[in-house]
Each structure stands twice: as C-alpha cells, then as structure tokens.
Amino acid sequence: MSADLVSTRVVVNPQVRSGQPIIRGARITVWDILCWLGGGLTEPKILSDYPEPAPADIQAAFAVRLSAQRQSNAVKLLFDANISRRIVPLLEDLFPNPTHITHAGLSGLKNKST
C-alpha cells in the first residue's frame, strides 16, 4: 500500500466531515471504513451497501491507518544546548531507531508563560 494509493484515493477538506480524511468524491471517512470492518462488515458487504467506495479505497483506508500508527509510534527527542552530548548514545539504546534525535540550542529562548 503506497503513498500514491493514498494520495489518489484519500483527501482532507476542512469543509467536509470536520477535516477528517475522506474517500475522494464521497463523504465517507477512512475511520468509517475501518470501524465498519472492525465491527464485522466484510469488504464485499461494504461495497454493496455503499456505492461510493471502491476496493482500492478500502486498501487506502488501511494505508492511512498504518501511516498514522507509524507516526504515533515515532520517538522524537529534543535536547537543550546545556545537556551533555554523552547522553545521546544512552537514549539511542533506550529508544532504538528513533525518528529524530536532535541537539538544538534552546538555552537562549525565554519562557513566555506567566
């Protein structure tokens, strides 16, 4: 399931279904399809009950869910400039294959909260 499949089948329009990812040309969200499948409806039953989605749309719904899952499992770490660089390898051991480990100079930023 590729990004091309998602980009040709799924759109986000803030004016439709509160900006949730929807099947192009329909008001059916990706989450609708996933909930129907999770609730026990089969792909043929969904396709017969709802005229808008095609089999590729159901595959695209799975691809969107997989992408969302990967993003939610990502670990992003940001370090203040004052932290020892020796800690980075230790954190890499704790979080194998992190998406980002960044050393950024944040010590000059002012806290604007009151």
Protein backbone atom coordinates (compact mmCIF):
# COMPACT_ATOMS: atom_id res chain seq x y z
CA MET A 1 0.00 0.00 0.00
CA SER A 2 1.79 3.05 -1.21
CA ALA A 3 1.58 6.78 -0.68
CA ASP A 4 0.38 7.05 -4.29
CA LEU A 5 -2.67 4.97 -3.46
CA VAL A 6 -3.48 7.22 -0.52
CA SER A 7 -2.86 10.45 -2.42
CA THR A 8 -5.17 9.41 -5.26
CA ARG A 9 -7.92 7.98 -3.03
CA VAL A 10 -7.96 9.98 0.21
CA VAL A 11 -8.41 13.72 0.65
CA VAL A 12 -8.71 16.11 3.57
CA ASN A 13 -11.11 19.01 3.23
CA PRO A 14 -11.79 21.13 6.33
CA GLN A 15 -15.31 21.78 4.96
CA VAL A 16 -16.22 18.07 4.82
CA ARG A 17 -16.61 15.78 7.85
CA SER A 18 -14.69 18.15 10.11
CA GLY A 19 -11.49 17.79 8.11
CA GLN A 20 -11.13 14.06 8.66
CA PRO A 21 -9.51 12.02 5.86
CA ILE A 22 -12.29 11.05 3.46
CA ILE A 23 -12.59 8.92 0.35
CA ARG A 24 -12.28 11.19 -2.69
CA GLY A 25 -15.70 12.02 -4.09
CA ALA A 26 -17.58 10.70 -1.06
CA ARG A 27 -18.42 11.81 2.46
CA ILE A 28 -17.13 8.52 3.84
CA THR A 29 -14.19 8.85 6.20
CA VAL A 30 -11.28 6.49 6.45
CA TRP A 31 -12.38 5.88 10.04
CA ASP A 32 -15.91 4.95 8.86
CA ILE A 33 -14.44 2.19 6.71
CA LEU A 34 -12.13 0.96 9.46
CA CYS A 35 -14.97 0.95 12.00
CA TRP A 36 -17.23 -0.99 9.64
CA LEU A 37 -14.53 -3.58 9.12
CA GLY A 38 -13.76 -3.69 12.83
CA GLY A 39 -17.46 -4.13 13.53
CA GLY A 40 -17.62 -7.23 11.39
CA LEU A 41 -18.70 -5.95 7.98
CA THR A 42 -16.83 -7.59 5.14
CA GLU A 43 -15.32 -5.71 2.23
CA PRO A 44 -17.95 -7.11 -0.21
CA LYS A 45 -20.75 -6.05 2.17
CA ILE A 46 -19.36 -2.52 2.46
CA LEU A 47 -19.02 -2.28 -1.32
CA SER A 48 -22.58 -3.48 -1.84
CA ASP A 49 -24.10 -1.24 0.87
CA TYR A 50 -22.23 1.92 -0.10
CA PRO A 51 -21.87 2.80 -3.79
CA GLU A 52 -19.02 5.31 -3.40
CA PRO A 53 -16.02 3.32 -2.21
CA ALA A 54 -14.07 1.01 -4.49
CA PRO A 55 -11.82 -1.86 -3.36
CA ALA A 56 -8.80 0.44 -3.72
CA ASP A 57 -10.45 2.90 -1.30
CA ILE A 58 -10.55 0.22 1.37
CA GLN A 59 -6.86 -0.52 0.77
CA ALA A 60 -6.17 3.22 1.03
CA ALA A 61 -8.01 3.33 4.38
CA PHE A 62 -5.67 0.64 5.70
CA ALA A 63 -2.67 2.57 4.38
CA VAL A 64 -3.81 5.74 6.17
CA ARG A 65 -4.23 3.80 9.41
CA LEU A 66 -0.81 2.20 9.05
CA SER A 67 0.78 5.58 8.42
CA ALA A 68 -0.96 7.08 11.47
CA GLN A 69 0.21 4.16 13.60
CA ARG A 70 3.80 4.59 12.46
CA GLN A 71 3.69 8.30 13.26
CA SER A 72 2.23 7.72 16.70
CA ASN A 73 4.97 5.19 17.49
CA ALA A 74 7.72 7.60 16.49
CA VAL A 75 10.02 8.90 19.18
CA LYS A 76 11.17 12.49 18.84
CA LEU A 77 13.75 13.82 21.27
CA LEU A 78 14.89 17.42 21.58
CA PHE A 79 17.77 18.45 23.82
CA ASP A 80 18.65 21.79 25.34
CA ALA A 81 22.13 23.02 24.44
CA ASN A 82 23.20 22.60 28.09
CA ILE A 83 22.66 18.84 28.18
CA SER A 84 25.67 16.59 27.82
CA ARG A 85 26.12 15.07 24.40
CA ARG A 86 27.16 11.85 26.15
CA ILE A 87 23.53 11.17 26.99
CA VAL A 88 22.51 10.84 23.32
CA PRO A 89 24.00 7.33 22.87
CA LEU A 90 22.33 6.23 26.09
CA LEU A 91 18.96 7.44 24.85
CA GLU A 92 19.55 5.78 21.50
CA ASP A 93 19.95 2.50 23.38
CA LEU A 94 16.70 3.11 25.27
CA PHE A 95 14.79 4.11 22.12
CA PRO A 96 16.08 2.01 19.21
CA ASN A 97 15.55 3.52 15.78
CA PRO A 98 14.14 6.87 16.90
CA THR A 99 12.78 9.13 14.20
CA HIS A 100 14.86 12.10 15.34
CA ILE A 101 17.50 12.77 17.91
CA THR A 102 18.32 16.44 17.73
CA HIS A 103 20.69 18.67 19.63
CA ALA A 104 19.30 22.19 19.42
CA GLY A 105 20.48 25.36 21.09
CA LEU A 106 17.39 26.25 23.10
CA SER A 107 19.08 27.78 26.13
CA GLY A 108 18.70 31.29 24.68
CA LEU A 109 14.92 31.04 24.46
CA LYS A 110 12.91 32.92 27.05
CA ASN A 111 10.00 31.29 28.84
CA LYS A 112 6.98 33.38 27.81
CA SER A 113 4.48 31.64 30.06
CA THR A 114 3.24 33.55 33.09
